[in-house]
Amino acid sequence: MTDAEIVNMRKTIYLCIMSSLNFEECVHKILKMNIREDLEMEVVVMLIDCCAMERTFQRFFALQAERLARLNTRYCACLQEAFRRQYYTVHRLETAKLRNTAKFFAHLLHTGERRQRRRRH
């Protein structure tokens, strides 16, 4: 895929995220887009970027990521990779972006732990 095509796809994903009324509608739209496996990371990156850009943390983005990870294990792997990348570049983020990104991943870690506890019992 060319750089222009990736930019257009990111723009489409951004518009999909921002035009949705709730996280479930957004996840449905994203899944309907039939994004290729090698480009699913772009969806995750867009969710993190949109979350980081907000003035305050909005659970909307974390709920989307959580639902995508539950519905498709490839998104779970993409989120893990995104966490690794963010961890190594966290020192470059402004305070508000750092706070929102941390809360985004904290939400995912917390909900993942709750799911694991339910499976064990």
C-alpha atoms as a PDB file:
ATOM      1  CA  MET A   1       0.000   0.000   0.000  1.00  0.00           C
ATOM      2  CA  THR A   2       1.326   3.452  -0.858  1.00  0.00           C
ATOM      3  CA  ASP A   3       1.713   6.244   1.659  1.00  0.00           C
ATOM      4  CA  ALA A   4      -1.211   8.123   0.097  1.00  0.00           C
ATOM      5  CA  GLU A   5      -3.452   5.068   0.464  1.00  0.00           C
ATOM      6  CA  ILE A   6      -2.457   4.664   4.119  1.00  0.00           C
ATOM      7  CA  VAL A   7      -3.190   8.353   4.769  1.00  0.00           C
ATOM      8  CA  ASN A   8      -6.610   7.967   3.121  1.00  0.00           C
ATOM      9  CA  MET A   9      -7.335   4.859   5.161  1.00  0.00           C
ATOM     10  CA  ARG A  10      -6.317   6.631   8.377  1.00  0.00           C
ATOM     11  CA  LYS A  11      -8.602   9.522   7.438  1.00  0.00           C
ATOM     12  CA  THR A  12     -11.476   7.093   6.863  1.00  0.00           C
ATOM     13  CA  ILE A  13     -10.838   5.418  10.218  1.00  0.00           C
ATOM     14  CA  TYR A  14     -10.663   8.805  11.954  1.00  0.00           C
ATOM     15  CA  LEU A  15     -13.977   9.907  10.435  1.00  0.00           C
ATOM     16  CA  CYS A  16     -15.531   6.580  11.410  1.00  0.00           C
ATOM     17  CA  ILE A  17     -14.368   6.988  15.010  1.00  0.00           C
ATOM     18  CA  MET A  18     -15.400  10.609  15.376  1.00  0.00           C
ATOM     19  CA  SER A  19     -18.779  10.299  13.635  1.00  0.00           C
ATOM     20  CA  SER A  20     -20.025   7.389  15.740  1.00  0.00           C
ATOM     21  CA  LEU A  21     -22.584   7.994  18.467  1.00  0.00           C
ATOM     22  CA  ASN A  22     -21.300   5.213  20.714  1.00  0.00           C
ATOM     23  CA  PHE A  23     -18.428   2.766  20.829  1.00  0.00           C
ATOM     24  CA  GLU A  24     -20.520  -0.178  19.641  1.00  0.00           C
ATOM     25  CA  GLU A  25     -21.535   1.642  16.468  1.00  0.00           C
ATOM     26  CA  CYS A  26     -17.918   2.542  15.806  1.00  0.00           C
ATOM     27  CA  VAL A  27     -16.683  -1.021  16.286  1.00  0.00           C
ATOM     28  CA  HIS A  28     -19.413  -2.243  13.939  1.00  0.00           C
ATOM     29  CA  LYS A  29     -18.342   0.289  11.281  1.00  0.00           C
ATOM     30  CA  ILE A  30     -14.674  -0.637  11.662  1.00  0.00           C
ATOM     31  CA  LEU A  31     -15.401  -4.347  11.314  1.00  0.00           C
ATOM     32  CA  LYS A  32     -17.548  -3.666   8.235  1.00  0.00           C
ATOM     33  CA  MET A  33     -14.588  -1.922   6.606  1.00  0.00           C
ATOM     34  CA  ASN A  34     -12.891  -5.336   6.225  1.00  0.00           C
ATOM     35  CA  ILE A  35      -9.446  -3.949   6.944  1.00  0.00           C
ATOM     36  CA  ARG A  36      -6.608  -6.199   5.861  1.00  0.00           C
ATOM     37  CA  GLU A  37      -4.702  -8.004   8.605  1.00  0.00           C
ATOM     38  CA  ASP A  38      -1.495  -6.118   7.919  1.00  0.00           C
ATOM     39  CA  LEU A  39      -3.316  -2.784   8.361  1.00  0.00           C
ATOM     40  CA  GLU A  40      -5.184  -3.514  11.589  1.00  0.00           C
ATOM     41  CA  MET A  41      -2.402  -1.818  13.519  1.00  0.00           C
ATOM     42  CA  GLU A  42      -3.477   1.455  11.870  1.00  0.00           C
ATOM     43  CA  VAL A  43      -6.881   1.155  13.561  1.00  0.00           C
ATOM     44  CA  VAL A  44      -5.218   0.687  16.945  1.00  0.00           C
ATOM     45  CA  VAL A  45      -2.832   3.590  16.351  1.00  0.00           C
ATOM     46  CA  MET A  46      -5.751   5.830  15.363  1.00  0.00           C
ATOM     47  CA  LEU A  47      -7.664   4.904  18.523  1.00  0.00           C
ATOM     48  CA  ILE A  48      -4.647   5.728  20.683  1.00  0.00           C
ATOM     49  CA  ASP A  49      -3.970   8.968  18.804  1.00  0.00           C
ATOM     50  CA  CYS A  50      -7.598  10.096  19.045  1.00  0.00           C
ATOM     51  CA  CYS A  51      -7.652   9.291  22.748  1.00  0.00           C
ATOM     52  CA  ALA A  52      -4.386  11.143  23.342  1.00  0.00           C
ATOM     53  CA  MET A  53      -5.615  14.266  21.521  1.00  0.00           C
ATOM     54  CA  GLU A  54      -8.633  14.789  23.782  1.00  0.00           C
ATOM     55  CA  ARG A  55      -8.394  17.371  26.575  1.00  0.00           C
ATOM     56  CA  THR A  56      -9.553  14.784  29.122  1.00  0.00           C
ATOM     57  CA  PHE A  57      -9.733  11.005  29.004  1.00  0.00           C
ATOM     58  CA  GLN A  58     -12.760   9.651  27.140  1.00  0.00           C
ATOM     59  CA  ARG A  59     -13.602   5.992  27.824  1.00  0.00           C
ATOM     60  CA  PHE A  60     -15.157   5.900  24.348  1.00  0.00           C
ATOM     61  CA  PHE A  61     -11.789   5.053  22.769  1.00  0.00           C
ATOM     62  CA  ALA A  62     -10.767   2.469  25.356  1.00  0.00           C
ATOM     63  CA  LEU A  63     -14.159   0.765  25.079  1.00  0.00           C
ATOM     64  CA  GLN A  64     -13.688   0.488  21.319  1.00  0.00           C
ATOM     65  CA  ALA A  65     -10.260  -1.068  21.747  1.00  0.00           C
ATOM     66  CA  GLU A  66     -11.603  -3.454  24.381  1.00  0.00           C
ATOM     67  CA  ARG A  67     -14.449  -4.593  22.132  1.00  0.00           C
ATOM     68  CA  LEU A  68     -12.184  -5.021  19.098  1.00  0.00           C
ATOM     69  CA  ALA A  69      -9.790  -7.136  21.183  1.00  0.00           C
ATOM     70  CA  ARG A  70     -12.657  -9.308  22.431  1.00  0.00           C
ATOM     71  CA  LEU A  71     -14.041  -9.852  18.933  1.00  0.00           C
ATOM     72  CA  ASN A  72     -10.766 -10.422  17.112  1.00  0.00           C
ATOM     73  CA  THR A  73      -7.543 -11.768  18.619  1.00  0.00           C
ATOM     74  CA  ARG A  74      -5.482 -10.002  15.946  1.00  0.00           C
ATOM     75  CA  TYR A  75      -6.541  -6.673  17.445  1.00  0.00           C
ATOM     76  CA  CYS A  76      -5.461  -7.979  20.833  1.00  0.00           C
ATOM     77  CA  ALA A  77      -1.990  -8.639  19.414  1.00  0.00           C
ATOM     78  CA  CYS A  78      -1.953  -5.178  17.801  1.00  0.00           C
ATOM     79  CA  LEU A  79      -2.857  -3.563  21.127  1.00  0.00           C
ATOM     80  CA  GLN A  80      -0.046  -5.446  22.853  1.00  0.00           C
ATOM     81  CA  GLU A  81       2.420  -4.258  20.219  1.00  0.00           C
ATOM     82  CA  ALA A  82       1.083  -0.698  20.490  1.00  0.00           C
ATOM     83  CA  PHE A  83       1.575  -0.819  24.263  1.00  0.00           C
ATOM     84  CA  ARG A  84       5.177  -1.930  23.772  1.00  0.00           C
ATOM     85  CA  ARG A  85       5.832   0.911  21.316  1.00  0.00           C
ATOM     86  CA  GLN A  86       4.170   3.492  23.561  1.00  0.00           C
ATOM     87  CA  TYR A  87       6.186   2.280  26.537  1.00  0.00           C
ATOM     88  CA  TYR A  88       9.458   2.990  24.751  1.00  0.00           C
ATOM     89  CA  THR A  89       8.384   6.426  23.473  1.00  0.00           C
ATOM     90  CA  VAL A  90       6.377   7.644  26.473  1.00  0.00           C
ATOM     91  CA  HIS A  91       9.011  10.212  27.421  1.00  0.00           C
ATOM     92  CA  ARG A  92       8.179  12.171  24.251  1.00  0.00           C
ATOM     93  CA  LEU A  93       4.514  12.751  25.136  1.00  0.00           C
ATOM     94  CA  GLU A  94       3.069  15.933  26.582  1.00  0.00           C
ATOM     95  CA  THR A  95       1.461  15.615  30.007  1.00  0.00           C
ATOM     96  CA  ALA A  96      -2.177  15.504  28.830  1.00  0.00           C
ATOM     97  CA  LYS A  97      -1.382  12.996  26.079  1.00  0.00           C
ATOM     98  CA  LEU A  98       0.578  10.868  28.523  1.00  0.00           C
ATOM     99  CA  ARG A  99      -2.307  10.888  31.012  1.00  0.00           C
ATOM    100  CA  ASN A 100      -4.891   9.911  28.379  1.00  0.00           C
ATOM    101  CA  THR A 101      -2.684   7.201  26.886  1.00  0.00           C
ATOM    102  CA  ALA A 102      -1.956   5.765  30.333  1.00  0.00           C
ATOM    103  CA  LYS A 103      -5.658   5.667  31.187  1.00  0.00           C
ATOM    104  CA  PHE A 104      -6.397   4.042  27.813  1.00  0.00           C
ATOM    105  CA  PHE A 105      -4.020   1.162  28.515  1.00  0.00           C
ATOM    106  CA  ALA A 106      -4.987   0.996  32.192  1.00  0.00           C
ATOM    107  CA  HIS A 107      -8.588   0.436  31.117  1.00  0.00           C
ATOM    108  CA  LEU A 108      -7.513  -2.401  28.813  1.00  0.00           C
ATOM    109  CA  LEU A 109      -5.320  -3.994  31.472  1.00  0.00           C
ATOM    110  CA  HIS A 110      -8.089  -3.757  34.061  1.00  0.00           C
ATOM    111  CA  THR A 111     -10.795  -5.237  31.829  1.00  0.00           C
ATOM    112  CA  GLY A 112      -8.414  -7.958  30.652  1.00  0.00           C
ATOM    113  CA  GLU A 113      -7.663  -8.898  34.257  1.00  0.00           C
ATOM    114  CA  ARG A 114     -11.375  -9.054  35.096  1.00  0.00           C
ATOM    115  CA  ARG A 115     -11.937 -11.412  32.164  1.00  0.00           C
ATOM    116  CA  GLN A 116      -9.056 -13.627  33.312  1.00  0.00           C
ATOM    117  CA  ARG A 117     -10.474 -13.802  36.857  1.00  0.00           C
ATOM    118  CA  ARG A 118     -13.889 -14.827  35.532  1.00  0.00           C
ATOM    119  CA  ARG A 119     -12.319 -17.611  33.462  1.00  0.00           C
ATOM    120  CA  ARG A 120     -10.448 -18.996  36.481  1.00  0.00           C
ATOM    121  CA  HIS A 121     -13.548 -19.225  38.691  1.00  0.00           C
END
